[in-house]
Amino acid sequence: MNRTVYFYQNLKQLKTILSKDQLHLTIKRLSHQLIEQHYPFTNTVIIGVQPRGVHLSDAIVAQIKAEHPQLQLPYGLLDITFYRDDVHKELHIANQTTINFSIENKHVILIDDVLYTGRTIRAAMDALLDFGRPAKVELCVLIDRRFNRQLPIQPDYTGKAIDSILSQKVTVDWATPQVVLY
């Protein structure tokens, strides 16, 4: 059964983690935390992890630029498809990497939607090293599933930390927009 069919068949079992308003406030808070730590972003770049981190990184960058329109904020997208450790187990469709600036000796903020096992972020860091050696890498996530980590990776900026069991899924629905646990 595909994931979308399962999702809609089990709507009654959904638990809303972040409503539309809460999601908006969380994005605003994450943006303010990044501004507080990195303004004026002279040595900092933001990179969204393809595919699901892009919506969050787009929203955060838009929020930062709305508050500080004069900023020249380097922003890129990173495809990790061929760096994943499960690339040979199933068919993956590659996305485009768009990093039109140097990350050498820069503070890189990686942005993804859900931190679960840590394997996606490990793949992102492997892919990132092909573009240079950053001075520092920080991680910003919307949802941190705290107790399911397989690798020692922790976020620097977290929208919301949740406790969940292995059989549960977290979905960030940007069309609605909301974050649900099912």
Protein backbone atom coordinates (compact mmCIF):
# COMPACT_ATOMS: atom_id res chain seq x y z
CA MET A 1 0.00 0.00 0.00
CA ASN A 2 1.45 3.34 -0.92
CA ARG A 3 2.07 5.95 1.76
CA THR A 4 -0.54 8.45 0.54
CA VAL A 5 -3.33 5.84 0.50
CA TYR A 6 -2.33 4.70 3.99
CA PHE A 7 -2.28 8.33 5.16
CA TYR A 8 -5.84 9.07 4.00
CA GLN A 9 -7.27 5.72 5.13
CA ASN A 10 -6.03 6.41 8.64
CA LEU A 11 -7.08 10.03 9.04
CA LYS A 12 -8.85 9.20 12.29
CA GLN A 13 -5.53 8.08 13.81
CA LEU A 14 -3.75 11.35 13.01
CA LYS A 15 -2.39 13.53 15.75
CA THR A 16 -1.65 17.12 14.82
CA ILE A 17 1.82 18.10 16.00
CA LEU A 18 1.79 21.59 14.51
CA SER A 19 -1.30 23.31 13.15
CA LYS A 20 -1.09 25.92 10.38
CA ASP A 21 -0.70 28.77 12.89
CA GLN A 22 1.78 26.84 15.02
CA LEU A 23 3.81 25.96 11.93
CA HIS A 24 3.93 29.62 10.91
CA LEU A 25 5.07 30.66 14.41
CA THR A 26 7.67 27.90 14.52
CA ILE A 27 9.17 29.00 11.19
CA LYS A 28 9.24 32.57 12.45
CA ARG A 29 10.97 31.48 15.69
CA LEU A 30 13.57 29.40 13.83
CA SER A 31 14.24 32.36 11.53
CA HIS A 32 14.71 34.66 14.52
CA GLN A 33 17.11 32.18 16.14
CA LEU A 34 19.21 32.12 12.97
CA ILE A 35 19.17 35.92 12.79
CA GLU A 36 20.18 36.13 16.45
CA GLN A 37 23.12 33.78 15.96
CA HIS A 38 24.34 34.74 12.48
CA TYR A 39 23.30 38.29 11.58
CA PRO A 40 24.52 39.87 9.27
CA PHE A 41 25.22 36.46 7.67
CA THR A 42 28.57 37.62 6.25
CA ASN A 43 30.22 34.22 6.72
CA THR A 44 27.08 32.07 6.79
CA VAL A 45 25.23 30.14 4.09
CA ILE A 46 21.93 28.28 4.25
CA ILE A 47 21.42 24.99 2.46
CA GLY A 48 18.13 23.11 2.22
CA VAL A 49 18.32 19.32 2.01
CA GLN A 50 16.45 17.93 -1.02
CA PRO A 51 13.67 16.98 -1.26
CA ARG A 52 11.72 17.60 1.96
CA GLY A 53 13.92 20.21 3.60
CA VAL A 54 13.41 22.62 0.71
CA HIS A 55 9.95 23.82 1.76
CA LEU A 56 11.21 24.63 5.25
CA SER A 57 14.41 26.28 4.04
CA ASP A 58 12.44 28.34 1.49
CA ALA A 59 10.11 29.53 4.25
CA ILE A 60 12.95 30.35 6.65
CA VAL A 61 14.96 32.24 4.02
CA ALA A 62 11.83 34.15 2.95
CA GLN A 63 11.15 35.09 6.59
CA ILE A 64 14.73 36.27 7.13
CA LYS A 65 14.66 38.33 3.91
CA ALA A 66 11.27 39.82 4.83
CA GLU A 67 12.73 41.10 8.08
CA HIS A 68 16.08 42.15 6.58
CA PRO A 69 15.55 42.84 2.86
CA GLN A 70 19.04 44.32 2.47
CA LEU A 71 20.74 40.99 3.30
CA GLN A 72 22.67 39.13 0.64
CA LEU A 73 22.00 35.66 2.05
CA PRO A 74 23.65 32.80 0.13
CA TYR A 75 21.05 30.05 -0.18
CA GLY A 76 21.36 26.72 -1.92
CA LEU A 77 19.77 23.29 -2.29
CA LEU A 78 21.61 20.02 -1.78
CA ASP A 79 20.63 16.70 -3.37
CA ILE A 80 21.73 13.71 -1.30
CA THR A 81 20.24 10.94 -3.45
CA PHE A 82 23.48 9.17 -4.32
CA TYR A 83 25.01 9.66 -0.86
CA ARG A 84 22.25 7.72 0.90
CA ASP A 85 23.19 4.34 2.34
CA ASP A 86 19.94 2.84 0.98
CA VAL A 87 20.41 4.08 -2.60
CA HIS A 88 20.73 0.50 -3.89
CA LYS A 89 17.67 -0.85 -2.05
CA GLU A 90 15.02 1.13 -3.90
CA LEU A 91 14.56 3.49 -6.81
CA HIS A 92 15.38 7.09 -5.92
CA ILE A 93 14.74 10.04 -8.18
CA ALA A 94 17.58 12.54 -8.11
CA ASN A 95 16.91 16.21 -7.44
CA GLN A 96 19.01 19.16 -8.45
CA THR A 97 21.81 20.57 -6.33
CA THR A 98 22.04 24.33 -6.55
CA ILE A 99 25.01 25.72 -4.67
CA ASN A 100 26.33 28.73 -6.59
CA PHE A 101 28.74 29.92 -3.91
CA SER A 102 31.73 28.64 -2.00
CA ILE A 103 31.20 26.92 1.33
CA GLU A 104 34.94 26.88 2.05
CA ASN A 105 35.50 28.15 5.64
CA LYS A 106 31.84 29.25 5.90
CA HIS A 107 29.27 28.54 8.58
CA VAL A 108 26.79 26.22 6.87
CA ILE A 109 23.26 25.85 8.19
CA LEU A 110 21.69 22.64 6.87
CA ILE A 111 17.89 22.67 6.96
CA ASP A 112 15.66 19.58 6.85
CA ASP A 113 12.08 18.91 7.89
CA VAL A 114 12.26 15.86 10.19
CA LEU A 115 15.29 14.46 12.00
CA TYR A 116 14.67 10.77 12.58
CA THR A 117 17.53 8.26 12.38
CA GLY A 118 20.19 10.77 11.35
CA ARG A 119 21.05 8.95 8.12
CA THR A 120 19.74 11.73 5.87
CA ILE A 121 21.91 14.28 7.65
CA ARG A 122 24.94 11.98 7.46
CA ALA A 123 24.37 11.74 3.69
CA ALA A 124 23.95 15.53 3.50
CA MET A 125 27.27 16.09 5.28
CA ASP A 126 29.00 13.63 2.93
CA ALA A 127 27.53 15.45 -0.09
CA LEU A 128 28.43 18.83 1.38
CA LEU A 129 32.12 17.91 1.63
CA ASP A 130 32.24 17.57 -2.16
CA PHE A 131 31.71 21.35 -2.29
CA GLY A 132 34.48 22.26 0.14
CA ARG A 133 35.37 22.27 3.79
CA PRO A 134 33.08 24.45 5.89
CA ALA A 135 34.32 26.06 9.10
CA LYS A 136 31.20 24.82 10.91
CA VAL A 137 28.00 22.95 10.08
CA GLU A 138 24.82 23.53 12.05
CA LEU A 139 21.53 21.69 11.70
CA CYS A 140 18.08 23.25 11.73
CA VAL A 141 15.04 20.93 11.72
CA LEU A 142 11.33 21.45 12.05
CA ILE A 143 10.69 18.20 13.95
CA ASP A 144 13.18 16.22 16.04
CA ARG A 145 12.12 12.63 16.71
CA ARG A 146 14.45 12.43 19.69
CA PHE A 147 14.57 8.76 20.62
CA ASN A 148 14.97 7.07 17.25
CA ARG A 149 18.50 8.10 16.33
CA GLN A 150 20.84 5.55 14.74
CA LEU A 151 23.71 8.02 14.40
CA PRO A 152 24.99 10.59 16.93
CA ILE A 153 23.47 13.62 15.21
CA GLN A 154 21.64 16.37 17.10
CA PRO A 155 20.03 19.57 15.80
CA ASP A 156 21.27 23.02 16.75
CA TYR A 157 17.87 24.59 16.03
CA THR A 158 14.66 22.65 16.60
CA GLY A 159 11.08 23.63 15.83
CA LYS A 160 9.57 20.93 18.02
CA ALA A 161 10.96 17.79 19.65
CA ILE A 162 8.59 14.84 19.91
CA ASP A 163 8.57 11.34 21.31
CA SER A 164 7.28 8.69 18.95
CA ILE A 165 7.51 4.96 18.43
CA LEU A 166 9.19 3.28 15.47
CA SER A 167 5.92 2.36 13.74
CA GLN A 168 4.70 5.97 13.70
CA LYS A 169 5.34 8.38 10.86
CA VAL A 170 5.67 12.15 10.86
CA THR A 171 4.42 13.98 7.80
CA VAL A 172 4.90 17.66 7.07
CA ASP A 173 2.04 18.61 4.77
CA TRP A 174 2.94 21.93 3.14
CA ALA A 175 -0.29 22.00 1.13
CA THR A 176 -2.51 22.14 4.23
CA PRO A 177 -0.06 23.28 5.97
CA GLN A 178 0.38 21.18 9.11
CA VAL A 179 2.56 18.53 10.70
CA VAL A 180 0.93 15.25 11.70
CA LEU A 181 1.90 12.06 13.47
CA TYR A 182 0.21 8.84 12.46
